[in-house]
Structure formats: structure tokens, C-alpha cells
Amino acid sequence: MLHYKKCQALFAKGEEQEALDHAAVALAKFQAAGNNLAWMNLGSFTTKQHRIDVHYNMGEEERAEKKGGIVRPYSFRVWTRVQ
């Protein structure tokens, strides 16, 4: 869980790429520990009209060995802000 929190702390400090890079380390640690967390919430961006949550996916496809394709480990959830 310390790796998870480190990712969130990096993201909160504006070090988004570092947070994403460290999320890969966290994924390996979670996998080694047998923790089947589906995704990790790294943080959010807000605009005037939206909140965008950034998640690092940690499901089966992301944990599987890569076989000739690109697995996109990031997902975004976009929410309309109520004015």
C-alpha cells in the first residue's frame, strides 16, 4: 500500500509522469503479494466543467505477459461538474 500512496502523492505534487512510472512498480509489488486490486486511483484534474479521474489499471490483462500488442494501463473517468 505504500507504493499506492507514493503514486498518489507524486500525482498530487504535479509529478504525473513519475506517478504513472511508479504505478508500474506498485503493480509488480501487488502482483507478487497476490493482491488482486483491479485499479489504482492516482488522482484527478479539474476544469471549469469537468473532473477527470486518472486510474492505473491493474487487472488480469495488465498483469499478463505482453504478447505483441499494446496494453493501455491508464483509464480516465470524466465527470461533468454541477454548476
N, C-alpha and C. Protein backbone atom coordinates (compact mmCIF):
# COMPACT_ATOMS: atom_id res chain seq x y z
N MET A 1 0.82 -1.20 0.00
CA MET A 1 0.00 0.00 0.00
C MET A 1 0.86 1.27 0.00
N LEU A 2 2.09 1.16 0.51
CA LEU A 2 2.96 2.34 0.50
C LEU A 2 3.26 2.80 -0.93
N HIS A 3 3.38 1.84 -1.84
CA HIS A 3 3.63 2.20 -3.24
C HIS A 3 2.41 2.90 -3.84
N TYR A 4 1.22 2.43 -3.47
CA TYR A 4 -0.02 3.06 -3.92
C TYR A 4 -0.05 4.51 -3.44
N LYS A 5 0.22 4.72 -2.17
CA LYS A 5 0.20 6.08 -1.60
C LYS A 5 1.28 6.96 -2.21
N LYS A 6 2.44 6.38 -2.51
CA LYS A 6 3.50 7.15 -3.15
C LYS A 6 3.05 7.64 -4.52
N CYS A 7 2.36 6.79 -5.28
CA CYS A 7 1.84 7.19 -6.59
C CYS A 7 0.88 8.37 -6.45
N GLN A 8 0.00 8.28 -5.48
CA GLN A 8 -0.97 9.36 -5.26
C GLN A 8 -0.27 10.64 -4.82
N ALA A 9 0.74 10.52 -3.98
CA ALA A 9 1.47 11.71 -3.51
C ALA A 9 2.21 12.38 -4.66
N LEU A 10 2.84 11.59 -5.52
CA LEU A 10 3.53 12.16 -6.68
C LEU A 10 2.54 12.88 -7.60
N PHE A 11 1.41 12.25 -7.82
CA PHE A 11 0.38 12.85 -8.68
C PHE A 11 -0.10 14.17 -8.09
N ALA A 12 -0.34 14.18 -6.79
CA ALA A 12 -0.83 15.39 -6.12
C ALA A 12 0.19 16.53 -6.18
N LYS A 13 1.49 16.19 -6.22
CA LYS A 13 2.54 17.20 -6.30
C LYS A 13 2.74 17.70 -7.73
N GLY A 14 1.96 17.18 -8.68
CA GLY A 14 2.09 17.61 -10.06
C GLY A 14 3.11 16.80 -10.84
N GLU A 15 3.59 15.73 -10.26
CA GLU A 15 4.57 14.86 -10.91
C GLU A 15 3.84 13.65 -11.51
N GLU A 16 2.96 13.96 -12.50
CA GLU A 16 2.08 12.94 -13.06
C GLU A 16 2.86 11.80 -13.72
N GLN A 17 3.88 12.12 -14.52
CA GLN A 17 4.62 11.06 -15.20
C GLN A 17 5.35 10.16 -14.19
N GLU A 18 5.90 10.76 -13.17
CA GLU A 18 6.56 9.97 -12.13
C GLU A 18 5.57 9.06 -11.42
N ALA A 19 4.35 9.56 -11.20
CA ALA A 19 3.31 8.75 -10.57
C ALA A 19 2.95 7.56 -11.46
N LEU A 20 2.82 7.80 -12.75
CA LEU A 20 2.50 6.72 -13.68
C LEU A 20 3.64 5.71 -13.76
N ASP A 21 4.87 6.20 -13.77
CA ASP A 21 6.03 5.30 -13.80
C ASP A 21 6.09 4.44 -12.54
N HIS A 22 5.84 5.05 -11.40
CA HIS A 22 5.90 4.29 -10.15
C HIS A 22 4.71 3.34 -10.02
N ALA A 23 3.62 3.63 -10.70
CA ALA A 23 2.46 2.73 -10.66
C ALA A 23 2.83 1.36 -11.23
N ALA A 24 3.73 1.32 -12.21
CA ALA A 24 4.19 0.03 -12.74
C ALA A 24 4.94 -0.75 -11.66
N VAL A 25 5.71 -0.06 -10.83
CA VAL A 25 6.40 -0.70 -9.71
C VAL A 25 5.37 -1.24 -8.72
N ALA A 26 4.37 -0.42 -8.41
CA ALA A 26 3.31 -0.83 -7.48
C ALA A 26 2.58 -2.05 -8.01
N LEU A 27 2.30 -2.08 -9.32
CA LEU A 27 1.62 -3.23 -9.92
C LEU A 27 2.42 -4.50 -9.69
N ALA A 28 3.74 -4.44 -9.91
CA ALA A 28 4.58 -5.63 -9.70
C ALA A 28 4.55 -6.07 -8.24
N LYS A 29 4.57 -5.11 -7.32
CA LYS A 29 4.52 -5.44 -5.89
C LYS A 29 3.18 -6.08 -5.50
N PHE A 30 2.09 -5.51 -6.04
CA PHE A 30 0.77 -6.07 -5.75
C PHE A 30 0.66 -7.48 -6.33
N GLN A 31 1.19 -7.67 -7.53
CA GLN A 31 1.14 -8.99 -8.16
C GLN A 31 1.93 -10.00 -7.33
N ALA A 32 3.13 -9.63 -6.90
CA ALA A 32 3.96 -10.54 -6.10
C ALA A 32 3.29 -10.90 -4.78
N ALA A 33 2.51 -9.97 -4.23
CA ALA A 33 1.82 -10.21 -2.96
C ALA A 33 0.49 -10.93 -3.13
N GLY A 34 0.10 -11.19 -4.38
CA GLY A 34 -1.17 -11.86 -4.63
C GLY A 34 -2.38 -10.98 -4.40
N ASN A 35 -2.18 -9.66 -4.41
CA ASN A 35 -3.28 -8.71 -4.21
C ASN A 35 -3.92 -8.43 -5.56
N ASN A 36 -5.20 -8.72 -5.70
CA ASN A 36 -5.90 -8.60 -6.97
C ASN A 36 -6.67 -7.31 -7.12
N LEU A 37 -6.09 -6.22 -6.72
CA LEU A 37 -6.71 -4.91 -6.89
C LEU A 37 -6.91 -4.66 -8.39
N ALA A 38 -8.10 -4.23 -8.79
CA ALA A 38 -8.41 -4.04 -10.21
C ALA A 38 -7.80 -2.77 -10.78
N TRP A 39 -7.75 -1.72 -9.98
CA TRP A 39 -7.18 -0.46 -10.45
C TRP A 39 -6.77 0.39 -9.26
N MET A 40 -5.98 1.40 -9.58
CA MET A 40 -5.47 2.30 -8.55
C MET A 40 -5.84 3.73 -8.97
N ASN A 41 -6.51 4.45 -8.10
CA ASN A 41 -6.87 5.84 -8.38
C ASN A 41 -5.65 6.71 -8.08
N LEU A 42 -5.08 7.33 -9.13
CA LEU A 42 -3.90 8.15 -8.94
C LEU A 42 -4.24 9.57 -8.51
N GLY A 43 -5.32 10.11 -9.05
CA GLY A 43 -5.71 11.48 -8.71
C GLY A 43 -6.68 12.02 -9.72
N SER A 44 -6.93 13.31 -9.64
CA SER A 44 -7.91 13.96 -10.50
C SER A 44 -7.41 15.31 -11.01
N PHE A 45 -7.90 15.67 -12.17
CA PHE A 45 -7.74 17.02 -12.71
C PHE A 45 -9.11 17.65 -12.73
N THR A 46 -9.18 18.93 -12.52
CA THR A 46 -10.47 19.62 -12.64
C THR A 46 -10.34 20.75 -13.65
N THR A 47 -11.40 20.92 -14.41
CA THR A 47 -11.53 22.05 -15.32
C THR A 47 -12.78 22.79 -14.90
N LYS A 48 -13.11 23.80 -15.64
CA LYS A 48 -14.30 24.58 -15.30
C LYS A 48 -15.57 23.72 -15.36
N GLN A 49 -15.61 22.77 -16.30
CA GLN A 49 -16.82 21.98 -16.49
C GLN A 49 -16.69 20.50 -16.12
N HIS A 50 -15.46 20.00 -15.90
CA HIS A 50 -15.28 18.57 -15.71
C HIS A 50 -14.27 18.25 -14.60
N ARG A 51 -14.44 17.05 -14.06
CA ARG A 51 -13.41 16.45 -13.21
C ARG A 51 -12.98 15.17 -13.91
N ILE A 52 -11.69 15.00 -14.07
CA ILE A 52 -11.15 13.83 -14.75
C ILE A 52 -10.35 13.01 -13.75
N ASP A 53 -10.84 11.81 -13.46
CA ASP A 53 -10.13 10.90 -12.56
C ASP A 53 -9.18 10.05 -13.39
N VAL A 54 -7.95 9.91 -12.93
CA VAL A 54 -6.94 9.12 -13.62
C VAL A 54 -6.70 7.83 -12.84
N HIS A 55 -6.88 6.70 -13.52
CA HIS A 55 -6.70 5.40 -12.88
C HIS A 55 -5.60 4.62 -13.60
N TYR A 56 -4.88 3.85 -12.85
CA TYR A 56 -3.91 2.91 -13.40
C TYR A 56 -4.54 1.53 -13.24
N ASN A 57 -4.81 0.88 -14.36
CA ASN A 57 -5.48 -0.42 -14.33
C ASN A 57 -4.52 -1.51 -13.90
N MET A 58 -5.01 -2.41 -13.07
CA MET A 58 -4.17 -3.47 -12.53
C MET A 58 -4.84 -4.84 -12.68
N GLY A 59 -5.74 -4.95 -13.65
CA GLY A 59 -6.47 -6.19 -13.86
C GLY A 59 -5.64 -7.27 -14.53
N GLU A 60 -6.29 -8.36 -14.90
CA GLU A 60 -5.61 -9.52 -15.47
C GLU A 60 -4.81 -9.19 -16.73
N GLU A 61 -5.38 -8.39 -17.63
CA GLU A 61 -4.67 -8.07 -18.87
C GLU A 61 -3.40 -7.28 -18.60
N GLU A 62 -3.44 -6.38 -17.64
CA GLU A 62 -2.27 -5.58 -17.32
C GLU A 62 -1.20 -6.42 -16.62
N ARG A 63 -1.63 -7.47 -15.92
CA ARG A 63 -0.69 -8.33 -15.20
C ARG A 63 -0.13 -9.43 -16.09
N ALA A 64 -0.81 -9.72 -17.20
CA ALA A 64 -0.38 -10.80 -18.09
C ALA A 64 0.86 -10.39 -18.88
N GLU A 65 1.57 -11.41 -19.32
CA GLU A 65 2.74 -11.16 -20.16
C GLU A 65 2.28 -10.54 -21.48
N LYS A 66 2.98 -9.51 -21.94
CA LYS A 66 2.60 -8.81 -23.16
C LYS A 66 2.91 -9.71 -24.36
N LYS A 67 1.94 -9.86 -25.28
CA LYS A 67 2.12 -10.74 -26.43
C LYS A 67 1.82 -9.97 -27.72
N GLY A 68 2.75 -9.13 -28.13
CA GLY A 68 2.64 -8.49 -29.43
C GLY A 68 1.66 -7.34 -29.52
N GLY A 69 1.02 -6.97 -28.47
CA GLY A 69 0.08 -5.87 -28.52
C GLY A 69 0.40 -4.85 -27.44
N ILE A 70 -0.29 -3.77 -27.51
CA ILE A 70 -0.11 -2.73 -26.51
C ILE A 70 -1.27 -2.81 -25.53
N VAL A 71 -0.95 -2.93 -24.29
CA VAL A 71 -1.96 -2.89 -23.24
C VAL A 71 -1.91 -1.48 -22.65
N ARG A 72 -3.02 -0.82 -22.66
CA ARG A 72 -3.07 0.54 -22.13
C ARG A 72 -3.42 0.48 -20.65
N PRO A 73 -2.46 0.79 -19.81
CA PRO A 73 -2.73 0.65 -18.39
C PRO A 73 -3.51 1.81 -17.77
N TYR A 74 -3.75 2.89 -18.51
CA TYR A 74 -4.41 4.05 -17.93
C TYR A 74 -5.86 4.11 -18.38
N SER A 75 -6.70 4.62 -17.50
CA SER A 75 -8.07 4.92 -17.90
C SER A 75 -8.46 6.24 -17.24
N PHE A 76 -9.43 6.87 -17.84
CA PHE A 76 -9.87 8.18 -17.38
C PHE A 76 -11.38 8.15 -17.24
N ARG A 77 -11.86 8.70 -16.17
CA ARG A 77 -13.30 8.84 -15.98
C ARG A 77 -13.58 10.34 -15.94
N VAL A 78 -14.45 10.77 -16.83
CA VAL A 78 -14.75 12.19 -16.96
C VAL A 78 -16.14 12.44 -16.39
N TRP A 79 -16.22 13.37 -15.46
CA TRP A 79 -17.45 13.71 -14.77
C TRP A 79 -17.79 15.18 -15.05
N THR A 80 -19.03 15.44 -15.34
CA THR A 80 -19.49 16.81 -15.51
C THR A 80 -19.70 17.43 -14.13
N ARG A 81 -19.14 18.60 -13.95
CA ARG A 81 -19.29 19.29 -12.67
C ARG A 81 -20.61 20.04 -12.64
N VAL A 82 -21.29 19.98 -11.54
CA VAL A 82 -22.55 20.68 -11.36
C VAL A 82 -22.21 22.14 -11.04
N GLN A 83 -22.79 23.04 -11.78
CA GLN A 83 -22.53 24.47 -11.58
C GLN A 83 -23.52 25.06 -10.61
